[in-house]
Amino acid sequence: MPRFRETIPIDDYVIDVLMRDIVGHAQQPAAYLVYLYLYGQAARKKWKPVVASVRMLADATGLSKSAIQIALAKLRRRELIVTTSDHATATSRHRVLRHWRTG
């Protein structure tokens, strides 16, 4: 895989506020990494939900599956993502929320 494929703009809020808040204050660096990964994937898909299982996220980020599960729960609790699935065993869809962009 080439090292550089495309540039993805990241809202300054993600770097200036979320990083300090999630990594520093909440001490959940895995949640920040998962959010960055989902943010990048969503940006590439024009902000459509990202279809990804816990295993897929673990493989993509290098984190353990349990770390991914904890990170996703933290992101949902903070209302940074919404996760849906068609049924219990279906692959989840994660919608990245950017509440700082609203009016």
PDB file of N, CA and C in Angstrom:
ATOM      1  N   MET A   1       0.852  -1.171   0.000  1.00  0.00           N
ATOM      2  CA  MET A   1       0.000   0.000   0.000  1.00  0.00           C
ATOM      3  C   MET A   1       0.900   1.238   0.000  1.00  0.00           C
ATOM      4  N   PRO A   2       0.607   2.202  -0.858  1.00  0.00           N
ATOM      5  CA  PRO A   2       1.415   3.424  -0.864  1.00  0.00           C
ATOM      6  C   PRO A   2       1.272   4.171   0.461  1.00  0.00           C
ATOM      7  N   ARG A   3       2.280   4.879   0.816  1.00  0.00           N
ATOM      8  CA  ARG A   3       2.263   5.608   2.084  1.00  0.00           C
ATOM      9  C   ARG A   3       1.302   6.789   2.055  1.00  0.00           C
ATOM     10  N   PHE A   4       1.114   7.387   0.920  1.00  0.00           N
ATOM     11  CA  PHE A   4       0.260   8.568   0.823  1.00  0.00           C
ATOM     12  C   PHE A   4      -0.730   8.365  -0.306  1.00  0.00           C
ATOM     13  N   ARG A   5      -2.016   8.402   0.034  1.00  0.00           N
ATOM     14  CA  ARG A   5      -3.036   8.220  -0.999  1.00  0.00           C
ATOM     15  C   ARG A   5      -3.783   9.507  -1.274  1.00  0.00           C
ATOM     16  N   GLU A   6      -4.214  10.168  -0.235  1.00  0.00           N
ATOM     17  CA  GLU A   6      -4.981  11.389  -0.415  1.00  0.00           C
ATOM     18  C   GLU A   6      -4.949  12.201   0.872  1.00  0.00           C
ATOM     19  N   THR A   7      -5.263  13.458   0.754  1.00  0.00           N
ATOM     20  CA  THR A   7      -5.339  14.339   1.911  1.00  0.00           C
ATOM     21  C   THR A   7      -6.774  14.387   2.395  1.00  0.00           C
ATOM     22  N   ILE A   8      -6.956  14.246   3.706  1.00  0.00           N
ATOM     23  CA  ILE A   8      -8.286  14.319   4.301  1.00  0.00           C
ATOM     24  C   ILE A   8      -8.289  15.479   5.287  1.00  0.00           C
ATOM     25  N   PRO A   9      -9.106  16.493   5.054  1.00  0.00           N
ATOM     26  CA  PRO A   9      -9.149  17.608   6.004  1.00  0.00           C
ATOM     27  C   PRO A   9      -9.770  17.170   7.330  1.00  0.00           C
ATOM     28  N   ILE A  10      -9.184  17.632   8.420  1.00  0.00           N
ATOM     29  CA  ILE A  10      -9.695  17.322   9.757  1.00  0.00           C
ATOM     30  C   ILE A  10     -10.093  18.632  10.423  1.00  0.00           C
ATOM     31  N   ASP A  11     -11.302  18.667  10.970  1.00  0.00           N
ATOM     32  CA  ASP A  11     -11.759  19.862  11.678  1.00  0.00           C
ATOM     33  C   ASP A  11     -10.786  20.193  12.800  1.00  0.00           C
ATOM     34  N   ASP A  12     -10.487  21.476  12.986  1.00  0.00           N
ATOM     35  CA  ASP A  12      -9.556  21.866  14.040  1.00  0.00           C
ATOM     36  C   ASP A  12     -10.043  21.444  15.423  1.00  0.00           C
ATOM     37  N   TYR A  13     -11.347  21.332  15.610  1.00  0.00           N
ATOM     38  CA  TYR A  13     -11.909  20.891  16.889  1.00  0.00           C
ATOM     39  C   TYR A  13     -11.395  19.500  17.262  1.00  0.00           C
ATOM     40  N   VAL A  14     -11.256  18.630  16.270  1.00  0.00           N
ATOM     41  CA  VAL A  14     -10.801  17.256  16.520  1.00  0.00           C
ATOM     42  C   VAL A  14      -9.388  17.260  17.097  1.00  0.00           C
ATOM     43  N   ILE A  15      -8.542  18.144  16.612  1.00  0.00           N
ATOM     44  CA  ILE A  15      -7.159  18.201  17.083  1.00  0.00           C
ATOM     45  C   ILE A  15      -7.017  19.092  18.314  1.00  0.00           C
ATOM     46  N   ASP A  16      -7.635  20.251  18.306  1.00  0.00           N
ATOM     47  CA  ASP A  16      -7.444  21.219  19.389  1.00  0.00           C
ATOM     48  C   ASP A  16      -8.222  20.895  20.658  1.00  0.00           C
ATOM     49  N   VAL A  17      -9.380  20.285  20.537  1.00  0.00           N
ATOM     50  CA  VAL A  17     -10.230  20.050  21.704  1.00  0.00           C
ATOM     51  C   VAL A  17     -10.356  18.562  22.030  1.00  0.00           C
ATOM     52  N   LEU A  18     -10.793  17.772  21.057  1.00  0.00           N
ATOM     53  CA  LEU A  18     -11.037  16.351  21.338  1.00  0.00           C
ATOM     54  C   LEU A  18      -9.786  15.602  21.782  1.00  0.00           C
ATOM     55  N   MET A  19      -8.654  15.871  21.140  1.00  0.00           N
ATOM     56  CA  MET A  19      -7.442  15.149  21.518  1.00  0.00           C
ATOM     57  C   MET A  19      -7.107  15.398  22.988  1.00  0.00           C
ATOM     58  N   ARG A  20      -7.091  16.642  23.395  1.00  0.00           N
ATOM     59  CA  ARG A  20      -6.775  16.980  24.784  1.00  0.00           C
ATOM     60  C   ARG A  20      -7.815  16.399  25.734  1.00  0.00           C
ATOM     61  N   ASP A  21      -9.083  16.479  25.347  1.00  0.00           N
ATOM     62  CA  ASP A  21     -10.160  16.023  26.218  1.00  0.00           C
ATOM     63  C   ASP A  21     -10.183  14.502  26.361  1.00  0.00           C
ATOM     64  N   ILE A  22     -10.120  13.789  25.245  1.00  0.00           N
ATOM     65  CA  ILE A  22     -10.231  12.325  25.292  1.00  0.00           C
ATOM     66  C   ILE A  22      -8.930  11.678  25.769  1.00  0.00           C
ATOM     67  N   VAL A  23      -7.795  12.129  25.253  1.00  0.00           N
ATOM     68  CA  VAL A  23      -6.518  11.509  25.619  1.00  0.00           C
ATOM     69  C   VAL A  23      -6.039  11.993  26.982  1.00  0.00           C
ATOM     70  N   GLY A  24      -6.080  13.302  27.200  1.00  0.00           N
ATOM     71  CA  GLY A  24      -5.565  13.858  28.445  1.00  0.00           C
ATOM     72  C   GLY A  24      -6.509  13.728  29.614  1.00  0.00           C
ATOM     73  N   HIS A  25      -7.671  14.330  29.502  1.00  0.00           N
ATOM     74  CA  HIS A  25      -8.615  14.362  30.624  1.00  0.00           C
ATOM     75  C   HIS A  25      -9.247  12.996  30.885  1.00  0.00           C
ATOM     76  N   ALA A  26      -9.810  12.387  29.858  1.00  0.00           N
ATOM     77  CA  ALA A  26     -10.511  11.107  30.029  1.00  0.00           C
ATOM     78  C   ALA A  26      -9.551   9.913  30.034  1.00  0.00           C
ATOM     79  N   GLN A  27      -8.308  10.135  29.632  1.00  0.00           N
ATOM     80  CA  GLN A  27      -7.287   9.085  29.574  1.00  0.00           C
ATOM     81  C   GLN A  27      -7.763   7.874  28.772  1.00  0.00           C
ATOM     82  N   GLN A  28      -8.307   8.153  27.593  1.00  0.00           N
ATOM     83  CA  GLN A  28      -8.790   7.105  26.693  1.00  0.00           C
ATOM     84  C   GLN A  28      -8.173   7.284  25.300  1.00  0.00           C
ATOM     85  N   PRO A  29      -6.850   7.113  25.169  1.00  0.00           N
ATOM     86  CA  PRO A  29      -6.235   7.311  23.852  1.00  0.00           C
ATOM     87  C   PRO A  29      -6.785   6.364  22.784  1.00  0.00           C
ATOM     88  N   ALA A  30      -7.206   5.171  23.170  1.00  0.00           N
ATOM     89  CA  ALA A  30      -7.768   4.232  22.190  1.00  0.00           C
ATOM     90  C   ALA A  30      -9.042   4.799  21.578  1.00  0.00           C
ATOM     91  N   ALA A  31      -9.856   5.465  22.375  1.00  0.00           N
ATOM     92  CA  ALA A  31     -11.090   6.062  21.861  1.00  0.00           C
ATOM     93  C   ALA A  31     -10.768   7.138  20.828  1.00  0.00           C
ATOM     94  N   TYR A  32      -9.730   7.916  21.087  1.00  0.00           N
ATOM     95  CA  TYR A  32      -9.335   8.953  20.136  1.00  0.00           C
ATOM     96  C   TYR A  32      -8.834   8.325  18.836  1.00  0.00           C
ATOM     97  N   LEU A  33      -8.038   7.273  18.927  1.00  0.00           N
ATOM     98  CA  LEU A  33      -7.548   6.593  17.725  1.00  0.00           C
ATOM     99  C   LEU A  33      -8.697   6.014  16.904  1.00  0.00           C
ATOM    100  N   VAL A  34      -9.645   5.401  17.577  1.00  0.00           N
ATOM    101  CA  VAL A  34     -10.800   4.830  16.878  1.00  0.00           C
ATOM    102  C   VAL A  34     -11.609   5.945  16.222  1.00  0.00           C
ATOM    103  N   TYR A  35     -11.803   7.059  16.935  1.00  0.00           N
ATOM    104  CA  TYR A  35     -12.539   8.180  16.356  1.00  0.00           C
ATOM    105  C   TYR A  35     -11.813   8.711  15.117  1.00  0.00           C
ATOM    106  N   LEU A  36     -10.497   8.878  15.199  1.00  0.00           N
ATOM    107  CA  LEU A  36      -9.738   9.358  14.041  1.00  0.00           C
ATOM    108  C   LEU A  36      -9.880   8.410  12.855  1.00  0.00           C
ATOM    109  N   TYR A  37      -9.823   7.113  13.120  1.00  0.00           N
ATOM    110  CA  TYR A  37      -9.974   6.141  12.038  1.00  0.00           C
ATOM    111  C   TYR A  37     -11.363   6.249  11.402  1.00  0.00           C
ATOM    112  N   LEU A  38     -12.408   6.253  12.242  1.00  0.00           N
ATOM    113  CA  LEU A  38     -13.773   6.354  11.720  1.00  0.00           C
ATOM    114  C   LEU A  38     -13.991   7.690  11.008  1.00  0.00           C
ATOM    115  N   TYR A  39     -13.430   8.762  11.551  1.00  0.00           N
ATOM    116  CA  TYR A  39     -13.534  10.094  10.946  1.00  0.00           C
ATOM    117  C   TYR A  39     -12.939  10.066   9.531  1.00  0.00           C
ATOM    118  N   GLY A  40     -11.748   9.493   9.407  1.00  0.00           N
ATOM    119  CA  GLY A  40     -11.100   9.413   8.097  1.00  0.00           C
ATOM    120  C   GLY A  40     -11.890   8.582   7.104  1.00  0.00           C
ATOM    121  N   GLN A  41     -12.395   7.445   7.553  1.00  0.00           N
ATOM    122  CA  GLN A  41     -13.192   6.593   6.673  1.00  0.00           C
ATOM    123  C   GLN A  41     -14.487   7.293   6.259  1.00  0.00           C
ATOM    124  N   ALA A  42     -15.134   7.952   7.210  1.00  0.00           N
ATOM    125  CA  ALA A  42     -16.386   8.661   6.912  1.00  0.00           C
ATOM    126  C   ALA A  42     -16.131   9.813   5.937  1.00  0.00           C
ATOM    127  N   ALA A  43     -15.042  10.539   6.130  1.00  0.00           N
ATOM    128  CA  ALA A  43     -14.716  11.653   5.231  1.00  0.00           C
ATOM    129  C   ALA A  43     -14.517  11.143   3.805  1.00  0.00           C
ATOM    130  N   ARG A  44     -13.870  10.009   3.668  1.00  0.00           N
ATOM    131  CA  ARG A  44     -13.666   9.422   2.333  1.00  0.00           C
ATOM    132  C   ARG A  44     -14.980   9.000   1.687  1.00  0.00           C
ATOM    133  N   LYS A  45     -15.973   8.663   2.505  1.00  0.00           N
ATOM    134  CA  LYS A  45     -17.271   8.194   2.001  1.00  0.00           C
ATOM    135  C   LYS A  45     -18.315   9.307   2.001  1.00  0.00           C
ATOM    136  N   LYS A  46     -17.867  10.552   2.026  1.00  0.00           N
ATOM    137  CA  LYS A  46     -18.771  11.713   2.042  1.00  0.00           C
ATOM    138  C   LYS A  46     -19.725  11.662   3.230  1.00  0.00           C
ATOM    139  N   TRP A  47     -19.202  11.235   4.370  1.00  0.00           N
ATOM    140  CA  TRP A  47     -19.880  11.224   5.671  1.00  0.00           C
ATOM    141  C   TRP A  47     -21.011  10.213   5.768  1.00  0.00           C
ATOM    142  N   LYS A  48     -20.964   9.186   4.942  1.00  0.00           N
ATOM    143  CA  LYS A  48     -21.902   8.067   5.101  1.00  0.00           C
ATOM    144  C   LYS A  48     -21.401   7.182   6.245  1.00  0.00           C
ATOM    145  N   PRO A  49     -22.283   6.397   6.865  1.00  0.00           N
ATOM    146  CA  PRO A  49     -21.842   5.514   7.954  1.00  0.00           C
ATOM    147  C   PRO A  49     -20.753   4.537   7.496  1.00  0.00           C
ATOM    148  N   VAL A  50     -19.849   4.251   8.403  1.00  0.00           N
ATOM    149  CA  VAL A  50     -18.737   3.340   8.142  1.00  0.00           C
ATOM    150  C   VAL A  50     -19.143   1.942   8.610  1.00  0.00           C
ATOM    151  N   VAL A  51     -19.122   0.981   7.704  1.00  0.00           N
ATOM    152  CA  VAL A  51     -19.450  -0.402   8.047  1.00  0.00           C
ATOM    153  C   VAL A  51     -18.163  -1.071   8.518  1.00  0.00           C
ATOM    154  N   ALA A  52     -18.145  -1.459   9.800  1.00  0.00           N
ATOM    155  CA  ALA A  52     -16.930  -2.067  10.349  1.00  0.00           C
ATOM    156  C   ALA A  52     -17.250  -2.853  11.609  1.00  0.00           C
ATOM    157  N   SER A  53     -16.758  -4.066  11.657  1.00  0.00           N
ATOM    158  CA  SER A  53     -16.898  -4.891  12.857  1.00  0.00           C
ATOM    159  C   SER A  53     -15.796  -4.525  13.849  1.00  0.00           C
ATOM    160  N   VAL A  54     -15.920  -5.037  15.055  1.00  0.00           N
ATOM    161  CA  VAL A  54     -14.884  -4.821  16.065  1.00  0.00           C
ATOM    162  C   VAL A  54     -13.553  -5.378  15.557  1.00  0.00           C
ATOM    163  N   ARG A  55     -13.598  -6.534  14.949  1.00  0.00           N
ATOM    164  CA  ARG A  55     -12.366  -7.140  14.423  1.00  0.00           C
ATOM    165  C   ARG A  55     -11.746  -6.282  13.322  1.00  0.00           C
ATOM    166  N   MET A  56     -12.566  -5.756  12.425  1.00  0.00           N
ATOM    167  CA  MET A  56     -12.059  -4.899  11.354  1.00  0.00           C
ATOM    168  C   MET A  56     -11.393  -3.656  11.934  1.00  0.00           C
ATOM    169  N   LEU A  57     -12.019  -3.061  12.942  1.00  0.00           N
ATOM    170  CA  LEU A  57     -11.446  -1.875  13.582  1.00  0.00           C
ATOM    171  C   LEU A  57     -10.146  -2.216  14.304  1.00  0.00           C
ATOM    172  N   ALA A  58     -10.114  -3.381  14.948  1.00  0.00           N
ATOM    173  CA  ALA A  58      -8.895  -3.815  15.635  1.00  0.00           C
ATOM    174  C   ALA A  58      -7.753  -4.000  14.629  1.00  0.00           C
ATOM    175  N   ASP A  59      -8.043  -4.640  13.515  1.00  0.00           N
ATOM    176  CA  ASP A  59      -7.021  -4.844  12.483  1.00  0.00           C
ATOM    177  C   ASP A  59      -6.535  -3.514  11.908  1.00  0.00           C
ATOM    178  N   ALA A  60      -7.449  -2.583  11.703  1.00  0.00           N
ATOM    179  CA  ALA A  60      -7.104  -1.300  11.088  1.00  0.00           C
ATOM    180  C   ALA A  60      -6.303  -0.392  12.017  1.00  0.00           C
ATOM    181  N   THR A  61      -6.562  -0.480  13.316  1.00  0.00           N
ATOM    182  CA  THR A  61      -5.918   0.434  14.268  1.00  0.00           C
ATOM    183  C   THR A  61      -4.755  -0.187  15.032  1.00  0.00           C
ATOM    184  N   GLY A  62      -4.677  -1.515  15.042  1.00  0.00           N
ATOM    185  CA  GLY A  62      -3.645  -2.178  15.820  1.00  0.00           C
ATOM    186  C   GLY A  62      -4.005  -2.350  17.286  1.00  0.00           C
ATOM    187  N   LEU A  63      -5.232  -2.030  17.645  1.00  0.00           N
ATOM    188  CA  LEU A  63      -5.699  -2.180  19.024  1.00  0.00           C
ATOM    189  C   LEU A  63      -6.337  -3.555  19.214  1.00  0.00           C
ATOM    190  N   SER A  64      -6.475  -3.972  20.459  1.00  0.00           N
ATOM    191  CA  SER A  64      -7.150  -5.238  20.744  1.00  0.00           C
ATOM    192  C   SER A  64      -8.657  -5.076  20.566  1.00  0.00           C
ATOM    193  N   LYS A  65      -9.348  -6.189  20.391  1.00  0.00           N
ATOM    194  CA  LYS A  65     -10.807  -6.133  20.239  1.00  0.00           C
ATOM    195  C   LYS A  65     -11.464  -5.577  21.496  1.00  0.00           C
ATOM    196  N   SER A  66     -10.951  -5.926  22.665  1.00  0.00           N
ATOM    197  CA  SER A  66     -11.542  -5.395  23.900  1.00  0.00           C
ATOM    198  C   SER A  66     -11.321  -3.887  24.005  1.00  0.00           C
ATOM    199  N   ALA A  67     -10.157  -3.408  23.571  1.00  0.00           N
ATOM    200  CA  ALA A  67      -9.902  -1.959  23.577  1.00  0.00           C
ATOM    201  C   ALA A  67     -10.854  -1.248  22.613  1.00  0.00           C
ATOM    202  N   ILE A  68     -11.132  -1.875  21.472  1.00  0.00           N
ATOM    203  CA  ILE A  68     -12.072  -1.304  20.502  1.00  0.00           C
ATOM    204  C   ILE A  68     -13.469  -1.225  21.108  1.00  0.00           C
ATOM    205  N   GLN A  69     -13.912  -2.288  21.764  1.00  0.00           N
ATOM    206  CA  GLN A  69     -15.246  -2.292  22.375  1.00  0.00           C
ATOM    207  C   GLN A  69     -15.378  -1.191  23.419  1.00  0.00           C
ATOM    208  N   ILE A  70     -14.368  -1.023  24.248  1.00  0.00           N
ATOM    209  CA  ILE A  70     -14.388   0.033  25.269  1.00  0.00           C
ATOM    210  C   ILE A  70     -14.381   1.403  24.600  1.00  0.00           C
ATOM    211  N   ALA A  71     -13.555   1.564  23.564  1.00  0.00           N
ATOM    212  CA  ALA A  71     -13.468   2.842  22.855  1.00  0.00           C
ATOM    213  C   ALA A  71     -14.799   3.200  22.197  1.00  0.00           C
ATOM    214  N   LEU A  72     -15.436   2.233  21.544  1.00  0.00           N
ATOM    215  CA  LEU A  72     -16.727   2.498  20.902  1.00  0.00           C
ATOM    216  C   LEU A  72     -17.777   2.898  21.931  1.00  0.00           C
ATOM    217  N   ALA A  73     -17.790   2.227  23.067  1.00  0.00           N
ATOM    218  CA  ALA A  73     -18.744   2.577  24.127  1.00  0.00           C
ATOM    219  C   ALA A  73     -18.497   4.001  24.612  1.00  0.00           C
ATOM    220  N   LYS A  74     -17.236   4.370  24.771  1.00  0.00           N
ATOM    221  CA  LYS A  74     -16.881   5.730  25.207  1.00  0.00           C
ATOM    222  C   LYS A  74     -17.330   6.760  24.167  1.00  0.00           C
ATOM    223  N   LEU A  75     -17.100   6.482  22.898  1.00  0.00           N
ATOM    224  CA  LEU A  75     -17.484   7.411  21.830  1.00  0.00           C
ATOM    225  C   LEU A  75     -18.999   7.543  21.723  1.00  0.00           C
ATOM    226  N   ARG A  76     -19.720   6.439  21.907  1.00  0.00           N
ATOM    227  CA  ARG A  76     -21.190   6.510  21.889  1.00  0.00           C
ATOM    228  C   ARG A  76     -21.700   7.315  23.081  1.00  0.00           C
ATOM    229  N   ARG A  77     -21.117   7.080  24.246  1.00  0.00           N
ATOM    230  CA  ARG A  77     -21.536   7.789  25.456  1.00  0.00           C
ATOM    231  C   ARG A  77     -21.305   9.302  25.316  1.00  0.00           C
ATOM    232  N   ARG A  78     -20.233   9.674  24.640  1.00  0.00           N
ATOM    233  CA  ARG A  78     -19.921  11.091  24.431  1.00  0.00           C
ATOM    234  C   ARG A  78     -20.657  11.670  23.219  1.00  0.00           C
ATOM    235  N   GLU A  79     -21.466  10.839  22.562  1.00  0.00           N
ATOM    236  CA  GLU A  79     -22.239  11.229  21.380  1.00  0.00           C
ATOM    237  C   GLU A  79     -21.347  11.724  20.241  1.00  0.00           C
ATOM    238  N   LEU A  80     -20.219  11.021  20.054  1.00  0.00           N
ATOM    239  CA  LEU A  80     -19.333  11.305  18.937  1.00  0.00           C
ATOM    240  C   LEU A  80     -19.581  10.355  17.774  1.00  0.00           C
ATOM    241  N   ILE A  81     -20.221   9.220  18.062  1.00  0.00           N
ATOM    242  CA  ILE A  81     -20.645   8.284  17.018  1.00  0.00           C
ATOM    243  C   ILE A  81     -22.005   7.708  17.396  1.00  0.00           C
ATOM    244  N   VAL A  82     -22.710   7.222  16.384  1.00  0.00           N
ATOM    245  CA  VAL A  82     -23.938   6.452  16.583  1.00  0.00           C
ATOM    246  C   VAL A  82     -23.722   5.134  15.858  1.00  0.00           C
ATOM    247  N   THR A  83     -23.950   4.035  16.563  1.00  0.00           N
ATOM    248  CA  THR A  83     -23.742   2.708  15.992  1.00  0.00           C
ATOM    249  C   THR A  83     -25.082   2.012  15.821  1.00  0.00           C
ATOM    250  N   THR A  84     -25.307   1.469  14.626  1.00  0.00           N
ATOM    251  CA  THR A  84     -26.531   0.724  14.345  1.00  0.00           C
ATOM    252  C   THR A  84     -26.165  -0.583  13.647  1.00  0.00           C
ATOM    253  N   SER A  85     -27.088  -1.529  13.704  1.00  0.00           N
ATOM    254  CA  SER A  85     -26.940  -2.767  12.931  1.00  0.00           C
ATOM    255  C   SER A  85     -28.334  -3.325  12.683  1.00  0.00           C
ATOM    256  N   ASP A  86     -28.453  -4.119  11.636  1.00  0.00           N
ATOM    257  CA  ASP A  86     -29.753  -4.669  11.258  1.00  0.00           C
ATOM    258  C   ASP A  86     -30.241  -5.733  12.236  1.00  0.00           C
ATOM    259  N   HIS A  87     -29.311  -6.490  12.797  1.00  0.00           N
ATOM    260  CA  HIS A  87     -29.645  -7.498  13.806  1.00  0.00           C
ATOM    261  C   HIS A  87     -28.398  -7.769  14.637  1.00  0.00           C
ATOM    262  N   ALA A  88     -28.525  -8.583  15.663  1.00  0.00           N
ATOM    263  CA  ALA A  88     -27.455  -8.775  16.652  1.00  0.00           C
ATOM    264  C   ALA A  88     -26.128  -9.235  16.057  1.00  0.00           C
ATOM    265  N   THR A  89     -26.164 -10.052  15.022  1.00  0.00           N
ATOM    266  CA  THR A  89     -24.913 -10.575  14.462  1.00  0.00           C
ATOM    267  C   THR A  89     -24.465  -9.848  13.193  1.00  0.00           C
ATOM    268  N   ALA A  90     -25.180  -8.814  12.793  1.00  0.00           N
ATOM    269  CA  ALA A  90     -24.816  -8.058  11.593  1.00  0.00           C
ATOM    270  C   ALA A  90     -23.620  -7.144  11.882  1.00  0.00           C
ATOM    271  N   THR A  91     -22.860  -6.842  10.845  1.00  0.00           N
ATOM    272  CA  THR A  91     -21.751  -5.903  10.978  1.00  0.00           C
ATOM    273  C   THR A  91     -22.314  -4.513  11.264  1.00  0.00           C
ATOM    274  N   SER A  92     -21.712  -3.841  12.222  1.00  0.00           N
ATOM    275  CA  SER A  92     -22.207  -2.531  12.662  1.00  0.00           C
ATOM    276  C   SER A  92     -21.895  -1.431  11.660  1.00  0.00           C
ATOM    277  N   ARG A  93     -22.748  -0.411  11.682  1.00  0.00           N
ATOM    278  CA  ARG A  93     -22.542   0.811  10.916  1.00  0.00           C
ATOM    279  C   ARG A  93     -22.317   1.929  11.926  1.00  0.00           C
ATOM    280  N   HIS A  94     -21.215   2.648  11.770  1.00  0.00           N
ATOM    281  CA  HIS A  94     -20.854   3.712  12.706  1.00  0.00           C
ATOM    282  C   HIS A  94     -20.958   5.054  11.983  1.00  0.00           C
ATOM    283  N   ARG A  95     -21.841   5.902  12.469  1.00  0.00           N
ATOM    284  CA  ARG A  95     -21.989   7.241  11.892  1.00  0.00           C
ATOM    285  C   ARG A  95     -21.221   8.222  12.766  1.00  0.00           C
ATOM    286  N   VAL A  96     -20.302   8.942  12.163  1.00  0.00           N
ATOM    287  CA  VAL A  96     -19.491   9.924  12.880  1.00  0.00           C
ATOM    288  C   VAL A  96     -20.298  11.204  13.031  1.00  0.00           C
ATOM    289  N   LEU A  97     -20.424  11.656  14.264  1.00  0.00           N
ATOM    290  CA  LEU A  97     -21.146  12.893  14.547  1.00  0.00           C
ATOM    291  C   LEU A  97     -20.143  14.024  14.748  1.00  0.00           C
ATOM    292  N   ARG A  98     -20.500  15.190  14.244  1.00  0.00           N
ATOM    293  CA  ARG A  98     -19.651  16.374  14.406  1.00  0.00           C
ATOM    294  C   ARG A  98     -20.527  17.500  14.936  1.00  0.00           C
ATOM    295  N   HIS A  99     -20.912  17.386  16.202  1.00  0.00           N
ATOM    296  CA  HIS A  99     -21.862  18.327  16.802  1.00  0.00           C
ATOM    297  C   HIS A  99     -21.346  19.758  16.817  1.00  0.00           C
ATOM    298  N   TRP A 100     -20.057  19.969  16.776  1.00  0.00           N
ATOM    299  CA  TRP A 100     -19.500  21.320  16.783  1.00  0.00           C
ATOM    300  C   TRP A 100     -19.766  22.051  15.476  1.00  0.00           C
ATOM    301  N   ARG A 101     -20.217  21.351  14.442  1.00  0.00           N
ATOM    302  CA  ARG A 101     -20.492  21.976  13.149  1.00  0.00           C
ATOM    303  C   ARG A 101     -21.916  22.503  13.026  1.00  0.00           C
ATOM    304  N   THR A 102     -22.770  22.214  13.985  1.00  0.00           N
ATOM    305  CA  THR A 102     -24.157  22.673  13.889  1.00  0.00           C
ATOM    306  C   THR A 102     -24.256  24.124  14.313  1.00  0.00           C
ATOM    307  N   GLY A 103     -25.147  24.840  13.640  1.00  0.00           N
ATOM    308  CA  GLY A 103     -25.470  26.227  13.829  1.00  0.00           C
ATOM    309  C   GLY A 103     -24.812  26.910  14.909  1.00  0.00           C
TER     310      GLY A 103
END
